[in-house]
Every structure is written in structure tokens, then in C-alpha cells.
Amino acid sequence: MLLQQPFHNNRGSIATDWTTFIVATQDLGHSDALLAPGSSKPVTITWQNQATALPTQHVVDVKLVRVITTAEISTYCSGNSGANINLAPHMTALNILARKNATETGQNIRVGQDKFFHQGVVLALGSGLEARHGFFCSVLPARGGPVMNVQSVSTAFIQGQSVLD
């Protein structure tokens, strides 16, 4: 969807979690009149399901839900938030943006929402298993500002094989 119009012209500043949210680092209301505050826009996309031979057209309603500012994040992280700031949408947006680079290159396999494993480095374990190394990342609020937690992870994958054997 993000490779098609009207998002294509803005793809460098747009990220998605591939299920629900599209996050933009710029105001899309001023870019091709895509979205204005409080508006929604139907967008026709081409989608090909793995089970079908031909792509189909779908209309997706894109709606501007919230404008997130860094001032709100800074206020919350400085301890002056009061009870009026719900930081969950801010952290969701920051996590989607942080994970964009890990998935864009096509060199990483995404497992779950926040684990990425490199496709090239594989260690055969035997019995149809292979080990892969990767990383976990998440953005969290902390005193003074958001921090990114990055940890090394490893897991076993089942080697590709025919299910008919």
C-alpha cells in the first residue's frame, strides 16, 4: 500500500505496523492534500493474496486519528505531565518509526512485533533446525526523554522443507 499513490511520494516519511497504523513524520495535509485534521480519505490499493492468481482492488479508508508532538513526549518524560497525557499512542508511533529501518532493507525476518533476525547468517543445528541471531528493539519513556532498548536475541527456525515429505 505504501508503494502506491498517494503514499508513494511520501514513503520516506511514512512507516506502518502492517496491521492498523500508518505513522508519518510530516504533515500529510500539506502533501498532495492527502489528509487534513479530522478528515478521512478512501484510497484504492492493489492487493494480491498469496492464494489468488490475480491482484484485486480494495478501498481502504485512511483517517487522521491524532497529531503527536514531541512537546507532549518531553513534558511527560520531564515529570510534568499531570493526568492529561496518554503516552501510549506516542510510544506506538515511535516504535513503528524505529522498526521501519529494520524491515525496509529486506535483509531481516520479522518475528512478532519487535524481533528481527538476519536472513544471511544461519547455523545448522540438525534435525531440521537452524539458529539465527537478531535483535529486539522498543522505544520506552524514561526520565529526560524516550530511550531505545536494543537487545541481542537468538532463536531456532525450522529449515524450509516440503510438507509432502
N, C-alpha and C. Protein backbone atom coordinates (compact mmCIF):
# COMPACT_ATOMS: atom_id res chain seq x y z
N MET A 1 0.82 -1.19 0.00
CA MET A 1 0.00 0.00 0.00
C MET A 1 0.87 1.25 0.00
N LEU A 2 1.95 1.23 0.78
CA LEU A 2 2.78 2.42 0.88
C LEU A 2 3.59 2.67 -0.39
N LEU A 3 3.70 1.68 -1.26
CA LEU A 3 4.43 1.86 -2.51
C LEU A 3 3.55 2.43 -3.61
N GLN A 4 2.24 2.53 -3.35
CA GLN A 4 1.30 3.04 -4.33
C GLN A 4 0.92 4.48 -4.00
N GLN A 5 0.32 5.14 -4.98
CA GLN A 5 -0.18 6.50 -4.75
C GLN A 5 -1.38 6.43 -3.81
N PRO A 6 -1.61 7.38 -2.97
CA PRO A 6 -0.93 8.66 -2.84
C PRO A 6 0.24 8.62 -1.86
N PHE A 7 0.55 7.46 -1.29
CA PHE A 7 1.61 7.39 -0.30
C PHE A 7 3.02 7.35 -0.90
N HIS A 8 3.13 6.91 -2.13
CA HIS A 8 4.44 6.71 -2.76
C HIS A 8 5.32 7.95 -2.69
N ASN A 9 4.76 9.12 -2.95
CA ASN A 9 5.55 10.35 -2.94
C ASN A 9 6.07 10.70 -1.54
N ASN A 10 5.46 10.12 -0.51
CA ASN A 10 5.82 10.44 0.88
C ASN A 10 6.44 9.25 1.60
N ARG A 11 6.81 8.19 0.90
CA ARG A 11 7.19 6.94 1.57
C ARG A 11 8.42 7.06 2.46
N GLY A 12 9.28 8.04 2.23
CA GLY A 12 10.43 8.22 3.10
C GLY A 12 10.06 8.70 4.49
N SER A 13 8.89 9.30 4.61
CA SER A 13 8.47 9.84 5.91
C SER A 13 7.29 9.08 6.49
N ILE A 14 6.95 7.91 5.90
CA ILE A 14 5.81 7.13 6.37
C ILE A 14 6.28 5.74 6.79
N ALA A 15 5.74 5.26 7.91
CA ALA A 15 6.00 3.91 8.38
C ALA A 15 4.68 3.28 8.80
N THR A 16 4.64 1.95 8.86
CA THR A 16 3.42 1.26 9.25
C THR A 16 3.75 0.03 10.09
N ASP A 17 2.76 -0.43 10.85
CA ASP A 17 2.90 -1.68 11.58
C ASP A 17 2.29 -2.83 10.79
N TRP A 18 1.81 -2.57 9.59
CA TRP A 18 1.24 -3.53 8.64
C TRP A 18 -0.07 -4.15 9.12
N THR A 19 -0.66 -3.63 10.18
CA THR A 19 -1.96 -4.14 10.62
C THR A 19 -2.99 -3.02 10.77
N THR A 20 -2.63 -1.96 11.48
CA THR A 20 -3.61 -0.94 11.82
C THR A 20 -3.14 0.48 11.54
N PHE A 21 -1.88 0.79 11.88
CA PHE A 21 -1.44 2.18 11.91
C PHE A 21 -0.50 2.53 10.77
N ILE A 22 -0.65 3.78 10.29
CA ILE A 22 0.31 4.42 9.41
C ILE A 22 0.79 5.65 10.18
N VAL A 23 2.10 5.81 10.29
CA VAL A 23 2.69 6.93 11.02
C VAL A 23 3.51 7.75 10.04
N ALA A 24 3.32 9.07 10.07
CA ALA A 24 4.06 9.96 9.19
C ALA A 24 4.85 10.95 10.03
N THR A 25 6.05 11.26 9.58
CA THR A 25 6.87 12.24 10.28
C THR A 25 6.66 13.64 9.75
N GLN A 26 5.79 13.79 8.77
CA GLN A 26 5.46 15.11 8.24
C GLN A 26 3.95 15.24 8.16
N ASP A 27 3.49 16.44 8.04
CA ASP A 27 2.07 16.73 7.93
C ASP A 27 1.59 16.34 6.54
N LEU A 28 0.79 15.27 6.46
CA LEU A 28 0.31 14.81 5.16
C LEU A 28 -0.79 15.69 4.60
N GLY A 29 -1.32 16.59 5.40
CA GLY A 29 -2.34 17.51 4.93
C GLY A 29 -1.79 18.50 3.92
N HIS A 30 -0.49 18.78 3.98
CA HIS A 30 0.14 19.72 3.06
C HIS A 30 0.82 19.02 1.89
N SER A 31 0.75 17.71 1.87
CA SER A 31 1.40 16.93 0.83
C SER A 31 0.34 16.26 -0.04
N ASP A 32 0.12 16.75 -1.23
CA ASP A 32 -0.87 16.21 -2.16
C ASP A 32 -2.28 16.21 -1.56
N ALA A 33 -2.55 17.07 -0.61
CA ALA A 33 -3.87 17.14 0.05
C ALA A 33 -4.33 15.76 0.51
N LEU A 34 -3.40 14.96 1.03
CA LEU A 34 -3.74 13.59 1.44
C LEU A 34 -4.68 13.58 2.64
N LEU A 35 -4.30 14.24 3.69
CA LEU A 35 -5.15 14.27 4.88
C LEU A 35 -5.09 15.62 5.56
N ALA A 36 -6.22 16.05 6.03
CA ALA A 36 -6.30 17.26 6.84
C ALA A 36 -6.82 16.83 8.21
N PRO A 37 -6.54 17.62 9.25
CA PRO A 37 -7.01 17.26 10.58
C PRO A 37 -8.51 16.98 10.60
N GLY A 38 -8.89 15.86 11.23
CA GLY A 38 -10.28 15.49 11.37
C GLY A 38 -10.90 14.89 10.11
N SER A 39 -10.09 14.57 9.12
CA SER A 39 -10.63 14.05 7.87
C SER A 39 -10.24 12.60 7.65
N SER A 40 -10.91 11.99 6.71
CA SER A 40 -10.52 10.65 6.25
C SER A 40 -10.61 10.66 4.73
N LYS A 41 -9.93 9.70 4.12
CA LYS A 41 -9.91 9.66 2.66
C LYS A 41 -9.90 8.21 2.20
N PRO A 42 -10.81 7.84 1.29
CA PRO A 42 -10.76 6.48 0.75
C PRO A 42 -9.61 6.39 -0.26
N VAL A 43 -8.80 5.35 -0.13
CA VAL A 43 -7.67 5.13 -1.01
C VAL A 43 -7.81 3.74 -1.62
N THR A 44 -7.74 3.64 -2.95
CA THR A 44 -7.83 2.36 -3.64
C THR A 44 -6.43 1.78 -3.77
N ILE A 45 -6.27 0.55 -3.30
CA ILE A 45 -4.97 -0.11 -3.38
C ILE A 45 -5.11 -1.43 -4.13
N THR A 46 -4.02 -1.88 -4.70
CA THR A 46 -3.97 -3.18 -5.36
C THR A 46 -3.33 -4.16 -4.39
N TRP A 47 -3.99 -5.30 -4.20
CA TRP A 47 -3.51 -6.29 -3.24
C TRP A 47 -3.58 -7.66 -3.87
N GLN A 48 -2.53 -8.45 -3.71
CA GLN A 48 -2.57 -9.81 -4.21
C GLN A 48 -2.37 -10.76 -3.05
N ASN A 49 -3.41 -11.50 -2.73
CA ASN A 49 -3.35 -12.52 -1.70
C ASN A 49 -2.50 -13.66 -2.22
N GLN A 50 -1.76 -14.33 -1.37
CA GLN A 50 -0.91 -15.44 -1.81
C GLN A 50 -1.72 -16.58 -2.40
N ALA A 51 -2.98 -16.69 -2.03
CA ALA A 51 -3.81 -17.80 -2.50
C ALA A 51 -4.51 -17.51 -3.82
N THR A 52 -4.41 -16.28 -4.33
CA THR A 52 -5.08 -15.94 -5.58
C THR A 52 -4.07 -15.65 -6.67
N ALA A 53 -4.48 -15.92 -7.91
CA ALA A 53 -3.57 -15.72 -9.03
C ALA A 53 -3.49 -14.27 -9.48
N LEU A 54 -4.60 -13.54 -9.33
CA LEU A 54 -4.64 -12.17 -9.81
C LEU A 54 -4.83 -11.18 -8.66
N PRO A 55 -4.22 -10.00 -8.79
CA PRO A 55 -4.42 -8.98 -7.76
C PRO A 55 -5.84 -8.43 -7.80
N THR A 56 -6.31 -7.94 -6.67
CA THR A 56 -7.64 -7.35 -6.58
C THR A 56 -7.53 -5.92 -6.06
N GLN A 57 -8.55 -5.14 -6.33
CA GLN A 57 -8.60 -3.75 -5.88
C GLN A 57 -9.39 -3.68 -4.58
N HIS A 58 -8.89 -2.94 -3.61
CA HIS A 58 -9.57 -2.74 -2.34
C HIS A 58 -9.57 -1.26 -2.00
N VAL A 59 -10.65 -0.80 -1.39
CA VAL A 59 -10.73 0.57 -0.94
C VAL A 59 -10.47 0.57 0.57
N VAL A 60 -9.47 1.33 0.98
CA VAL A 60 -9.09 1.44 2.38
C VAL A 60 -9.36 2.87 2.82
N ASP A 61 -10.06 3.03 3.93
CA ASP A 61 -10.35 4.36 4.45
C ASP A 61 -9.23 4.78 5.39
N VAL A 62 -8.46 5.78 5.00
CA VAL A 62 -7.35 6.28 5.81
C VAL A 62 -7.85 7.50 6.56
N LYS A 63 -7.70 7.47 7.88
CA LYS A 63 -8.23 8.53 8.72
C LYS A 63 -7.13 9.10 9.62
N LEU A 64 -7.07 10.41 9.69
CA LEU A 64 -6.15 11.06 10.61
C LEU A 64 -6.73 10.94 12.01
N VAL A 65 -6.08 10.15 12.86
CA VAL A 65 -6.58 9.89 14.20
C VAL A 65 -6.02 10.88 15.20
N ARG A 66 -4.74 11.17 15.09
CA ARG A 66 -4.11 12.00 16.11
C ARG A 66 -2.84 12.64 15.55
N VAL A 67 -2.60 13.86 15.95
CA VAL A 67 -1.33 14.53 15.68
C VAL A 67 -0.52 14.44 16.97
N ILE A 68 0.66 13.89 16.86
CA ILE A 68 1.51 13.67 18.02
C ILE A 68 2.67 14.66 17.96
N THR A 69 2.92 15.33 19.09
CA THR A 69 4.02 16.29 19.11
C THR A 69 5.12 15.82 20.05
N THR A 70 6.33 16.23 19.74
CA THR A 70 7.45 15.90 20.62
C THR A 70 7.35 16.66 21.93
N ALA A 71 6.64 17.78 21.94
CA ALA A 71 6.47 18.55 23.18
C ALA A 71 5.72 17.74 24.23
N GLU A 72 4.70 16.98 23.81
CA GLU A 72 3.95 16.14 24.75
C GLU A 72 4.85 15.05 25.34
N ILE A 73 5.70 14.46 24.50
CA ILE A 73 6.62 13.42 24.98
C ILE A 73 7.61 14.02 25.96
N SER A 74 8.16 15.17 25.63
CA SER A 74 9.13 15.83 26.51
C SER A 74 8.50 16.21 27.84
N THR A 75 7.27 16.73 27.80
CA THR A 75 6.57 17.10 29.03
C THR A 75 6.36 15.88 29.91
N TYR A 76 5.91 14.78 29.32
CA TYR A 76 5.67 13.56 30.08
C TYR A 76 6.98 13.03 30.70
N CYS A 77 8.04 12.98 29.89
CA CYS A 77 9.32 12.43 30.37
C CYS A 77 10.02 13.33 31.38
N SER A 78 9.65 14.61 31.42
CA SER A 78 10.26 15.50 32.41
C SER A 78 9.56 15.41 33.76
N GLY A 79 8.44 14.69 33.81
CA GLY A 79 7.72 14.52 35.06
C GLY A 79 6.64 15.56 35.28
N ASN A 80 6.40 16.41 34.30
CA ASN A 80 5.40 17.47 34.43
C ASN A 80 4.13 17.16 33.66
N SER A 81 3.77 15.90 33.57
CA SER A 81 2.67 15.52 32.69
C SER A 81 1.28 15.77 33.24
N GLY A 82 1.14 15.75 34.54
CA GLY A 82 -0.22 15.81 35.08
C GLY A 82 -0.95 14.55 34.70
N ALA A 83 -2.24 14.60 34.60
CA ALA A 83 -3.02 13.41 34.26
C ALA A 83 -3.58 13.48 32.85
N ASN A 84 -3.17 14.46 32.05
CA ASN A 84 -3.82 14.69 30.76
C ASN A 84 -3.12 14.07 29.56
N ILE A 85 -1.97 13.46 29.73
CA ILE A 85 -1.24 12.93 28.58
C ILE A 85 -1.29 11.41 28.60
N ASN A 86 -1.90 10.84 27.57
CA ASN A 86 -1.88 9.39 27.37
C ASN A 86 -0.71 9.11 26.44
N LEU A 87 0.36 8.55 26.95
CA LEU A 87 1.58 8.38 26.17
C LEU A 87 1.55 7.14 25.26
N ALA A 88 0.56 6.28 25.39
CA ALA A 88 0.52 5.05 24.59
C ALA A 88 0.55 5.31 23.08
N PRO A 89 -0.25 6.24 22.54
CA PRO A 89 -0.17 6.49 21.09
C PRO A 89 1.20 7.04 20.66
N HIS A 90 1.82 7.81 21.53
CA HIS A 90 3.15 8.35 21.22
C HIS A 90 4.18 7.23 21.13
N MET A 91 4.15 6.31 22.09
CA MET A 91 5.11 5.21 22.10
C MET A 91 4.85 4.25 20.94
N THR A 92 3.58 4.03 20.60
CA THR A 92 3.25 3.19 19.45
C THR A 92 3.85 3.80 18.18
N ALA A 93 3.66 5.10 18.00
CA ALA A 93 4.20 5.78 16.81
C ALA A 93 5.72 5.72 16.77
N LEU A 94 6.38 5.97 17.90
CA LEU A 94 7.85 5.93 17.93
C LEU A 94 8.37 4.52 17.66
N ASN A 95 7.69 3.50 18.18
CA ASN A 95 8.12 2.13 17.93
C ASN A 95 7.95 1.75 16.46
N ILE A 96 6.87 2.18 15.84
CA ILE A 96 6.67 1.90 14.41
C ILE A 96 7.77 2.57 13.59
N LEU A 97 8.09 3.81 13.91
CA LEU A 97 9.16 4.52 13.20
C LEU A 97 10.53 3.87 13.44
N ALA A 98 10.78 3.43 14.67
CA ALA A 98 12.07 2.81 14.99
C ALA A 98 12.26 1.49 14.25
N ARG A 99 11.19 0.76 14.02
CA ARG A 99 11.28 -0.55 13.36
C ARG A 99 11.30 -0.45 11.85
N LYS A 100 11.03 0.72 11.32
CA LYS A 100 10.96 0.88 9.87
C LYS A 100 12.28 0.50 9.19
N ASN A 101 13.40 0.97 9.69
CA ASN A 101 14.69 0.69 9.07
C ASN A 101 15.04 -0.79 9.11
N ALA A 102 14.62 -1.49 10.15
CA ALA A 102 14.93 -2.91 10.27
C ALA A 102 14.20 -3.74 9.22
N THR A 103 13.04 -3.28 8.78
CA THR A 103 12.26 -4.05 7.82
C THR A 103 12.40 -3.58 6.39
N GLU A 104 12.88 -2.37 6.17
CA GLU A 104 12.94 -1.80 4.83
C GLU A 104 13.94 -2.48 3.91
N THR A 105 15.05 -2.93 4.44
CA THR A 105 16.12 -3.46 3.59
C THR A 105 15.79 -4.82 3.00
N GLY A 106 14.85 -5.56 3.62
CA GLY A 106 14.53 -6.90 3.16
C GLY A 106 15.53 -7.93 3.63
N GLN A 107 16.51 -7.53 4.43
CA GLN A 107 17.53 -8.47 4.91
C GLN A 107 17.16 -9.11 6.24
N ASN A 108 16.11 -8.63 6.88
CA ASN A 108 15.72 -9.15 8.18
C ASN A 108 14.37 -9.83 8.12
N ILE A 109 14.23 -10.89 8.90
CA ILE A 109 12.96 -11.58 9.06
C ILE A 109 12.33 -11.04 10.33
N ARG A 110 11.12 -10.56 10.23
CA ARG A 110 10.43 -10.03 11.41
C ARG A 110 9.65 -11.17 12.07
N VAL A 111 9.84 -11.32 13.37
CA VAL A 111 9.10 -12.32 14.14
C VAL A 111 8.38 -11.57 15.25
N GLY A 112 7.06 -11.64 15.25
CA GLY A 112 6.30 -10.88 16.22
C GLY A 112 6.35 -9.41 15.88
N GLN A 113 6.17 -8.59 16.88
CA GLN A 113 6.10 -7.15 16.64
C GLN A 113 7.45 -6.47 16.71
N ASP A 114 8.39 -7.04 17.44
CA ASP A 114 9.61 -6.29 17.72
C ASP A 114 10.90 -7.09 17.69
N LYS A 115 10.91 -8.27 17.05
CA LYS A 115 12.14 -9.06 16.92
C LYS A 115 12.48 -9.21 15.45
N PHE A 116 13.77 -9.04 15.13
CA PHE A 116 14.25 -9.09 13.76
C PHE A 116 15.46 -10.01 13.68
N PHE A 117 15.44 -10.92 12.71
CA PHE A 117 16.53 -11.87 12.53
C PHE A 117 17.09 -11.74 11.14
N HIS A 118 18.43 -11.69 11.04
CA HIS A 118 19.10 -11.53 9.75
C HIS A 118 18.95 -12.81 8.94
N GLN A 119 18.63 -12.66 7.66
CA GLN A 119 18.41 -13.83 6.81
C GLN A 119 19.70 -14.53 6.40
N GLY A 120 20.81 -13.83 6.38
CA GLY A 120 22.03 -14.40 5.83
C GLY A 120 22.83 -15.30 6.75
N VAL A 121 22.87 -15.02 8.03
CA VAL A 121 23.72 -15.77 8.96
C VAL A 121 22.89 -16.88 9.60
N VAL A 122 23.20 -18.13 9.23
CA VAL A 122 22.44 -19.28 9.71
C VAL A 122 23.41 -20.34 10.21
N LEU A 123 23.11 -20.95 11.33
CA LEU A 123 23.90 -22.05 11.88
C LEU A 123 23.02 -23.28 11.95
N ALA A 124 23.38 -24.34 11.21
CA ALA A 124 22.58 -25.57 11.20
C ALA A 124 22.72 -26.27 12.55
N LEU A 125 21.58 -26.62 13.14
CA LEU A 125 21.56 -27.30 14.44
C LEU A 125 21.28 -28.79 14.31
N GLY A 126 20.86 -29.24 13.14
CA GLY A 126 20.47 -30.63 12.94
C GLY A 126 18.99 -30.82 13.20
N SER A 127 18.47 -31.97 12.81
CA SER A 127 17.05 -32.32 12.98
C SER A 127 16.12 -31.29 12.33
N GLY A 128 16.59 -30.67 11.25
CA GLY A 128 15.75 -29.70 10.54
C GLY A 128 15.68 -28.32 11.17
N LEU A 129 16.55 -28.03 12.13
CA LEU A 129 16.54 -26.73 12.79
C LEU A 129 17.77 -25.92 12.42
N GLU A 130 17.63 -24.61 12.43
CA GLU A 130 18.76 -23.71 12.21
C GLU A 130 18.65 -22.53 13.17
N ALA A 131 19.80 -22.08 13.65
CA ALA A 131 19.84 -20.95 14.59
C ALA A 131 20.06 -19.66 13.81
N ARG A 132 19.36 -18.62 14.26
CA ARG A 132 19.54 -17.29 13.68
C ARG A 132 19.71 -16.30 14.83
N HIS A 133 20.57 -15.33 14.59
CA HIS A 133 20.79 -14.26 15.56
C HIS A 133 20.11 -13.01 15.05
N GLY A 134 19.66 -12.19 15.99
CA GLY A 134 18.99 -10.97 15.61
C GLY A 134 18.94 -9.99 16.77
N PHE A 135 17.92 -9.15 16.77
CA PHE A 135 17.80 -8.16 17.83
C PHE A 135 16.34 -7.87 18.13
N PHE A 136 16.11 -7.37 19.31
CA PHE A 136 14.82 -6.91 19.80
C PHE A 136 14.96 -5.42 19.99
N CYS A 137 13.94 -4.64 19.63
CA CYS A 137 14.02 -3.21 19.89
C CYS A 137 12.66 -2.66 20.31
N SER A 138 12.70 -1.70 21.22
CA SER A 138 11.49 -0.99 21.61
C SER A 138 11.88 0.38 22.16
N VAL A 139 10.99 1.33 21.96
CA VAL A 139 11.19 2.68 22.49
C VAL A 139 10.34 2.81 23.73
N LEU A 140 10.94 3.32 24.81
CA LEU A 140 10.26 3.44 26.10
C LEU A 140 10.43 4.85 26.64
N PRO A 141 9.44 5.32 27.41
CA PRO A 141 9.62 6.63 28.04
C PRO A 141 10.57 6.50 29.23
N ALA A 142 11.41 7.48 29.40
CA ALA A 142 12.35 7.49 30.53
C ALA A 142 12.51 8.93 31.00
N ARG A 143 13.04 9.09 32.19
CA ARG A 143 13.28 10.43 32.72
C ARG A 143 14.22 11.16 31.78
N GLY A 144 13.82 12.29 31.26
CA GLY A 144 14.65 13.08 30.35
C GLY A 144 14.31 12.89 28.89
N GLY A 145 13.60 11.82 28.53
CA GLY A 145 13.23 11.62 27.13
C GLY A 145 13.11 10.14 26.80
N PRO A 146 12.61 9.83 25.63
CA PRO A 146 12.47 8.42 25.24
C PRO A 146 13.82 7.76 25.05
N VAL A 147 13.89 6.47 25.35
CA VAL A 147 15.11 5.69 25.14
C VAL A 147 14.77 4.49 24.28
N MET A 148 15.76 4.02 23.52
CA MET A 148 15.56 2.83 22.71
C MET A 148 16.28 1.66 23.37
N ASN A 149 15.53 0.61 23.63
CA ASN A 149 16.07 -0.62 24.20
C ASN A 149 16.36 -1.57 23.04
N VAL A 150 17.62 -1.96 22.87
CA VAL A 150 18.02 -2.90 21.82
C VAL A 150 18.75 -4.04 22.50
N GLN A 151 18.30 -5.27 22.25
CA GLN A 151 18.91 -6.44 22.85
C GLN A 151 19.19 -7.48 21.77
N SER A 152 20.27 -8.21 21.96
CA SER A 152 20.60 -9.30 21.06
C SER A 152 19.72 -10.51 21.40
N VAL A 153 19.20 -11.18 20.38
CA VAL A 153 18.37 -12.37 20.60
C VAL A 153 18.79 -13.46 19.62
N SER A 154 18.51 -14.69 19.99
CA SER A 154 18.74 -15.85 19.12
C SER A 154 17.54 -16.77 19.23
N THR A 155 17.26 -17.49 18.16
CA THR A 155 16.17 -18.45 18.18
C THR A 155 16.42 -19.53 17.14
N ALA A 156 15.68 -20.61 17.26
CA ALA A 156 15.76 -21.69 16.28
C ALA A 156 14.62 -21.57 15.29
N PHE A 157 14.93 -21.72 14.02
CA PHE A 157 13.93 -21.75 12.96
C PHE A 157 13.91 -23.15 12.37
N ILE A 158 12.77 -23.55 11.84
CA ILE A 158 12.68 -24.82 11.12
C ILE A 158 13.14 -24.56 9.70
N GLN A 159 14.05 -25.41 9.21
CA GLN A 159 14.55 -25.24 7.85
C GLN A 159 13.42 -25.46 6.85
N GLY A 160 13.48 -24.71 5.74
CA GLY A 160 12.48 -24.86 4.70
C GLY A 160 12.51 -26.26 4.13
N GLN A 161 11.37 -26.90 4.06
CA GLN A 161 11.28 -28.26 3.53
C GLN A 161 9.87 -28.52 3.02
N SER A 162 9.74 -29.48 2.18
CA SER A 162 8.44 -29.82 1.62
C SER A 162 7.58 -30.49 2.68
N VAL A 163 6.32 -30.10 2.76
CA VAL A 163 5.41 -30.73 3.71
C VAL A 163 4.93 -32.09 3.22
N LEU A 164 5.21 -32.42 1.95
CA LEU A 164 4.80 -33.70 1.40
C LEU A 164 5.78 -34.82 1.73
N ASP A 165 6.98 -34.47 2.18
CA ASP A 165 7.98 -35.50 2.51
C ASP A 165 7.68 -36.16 3.83
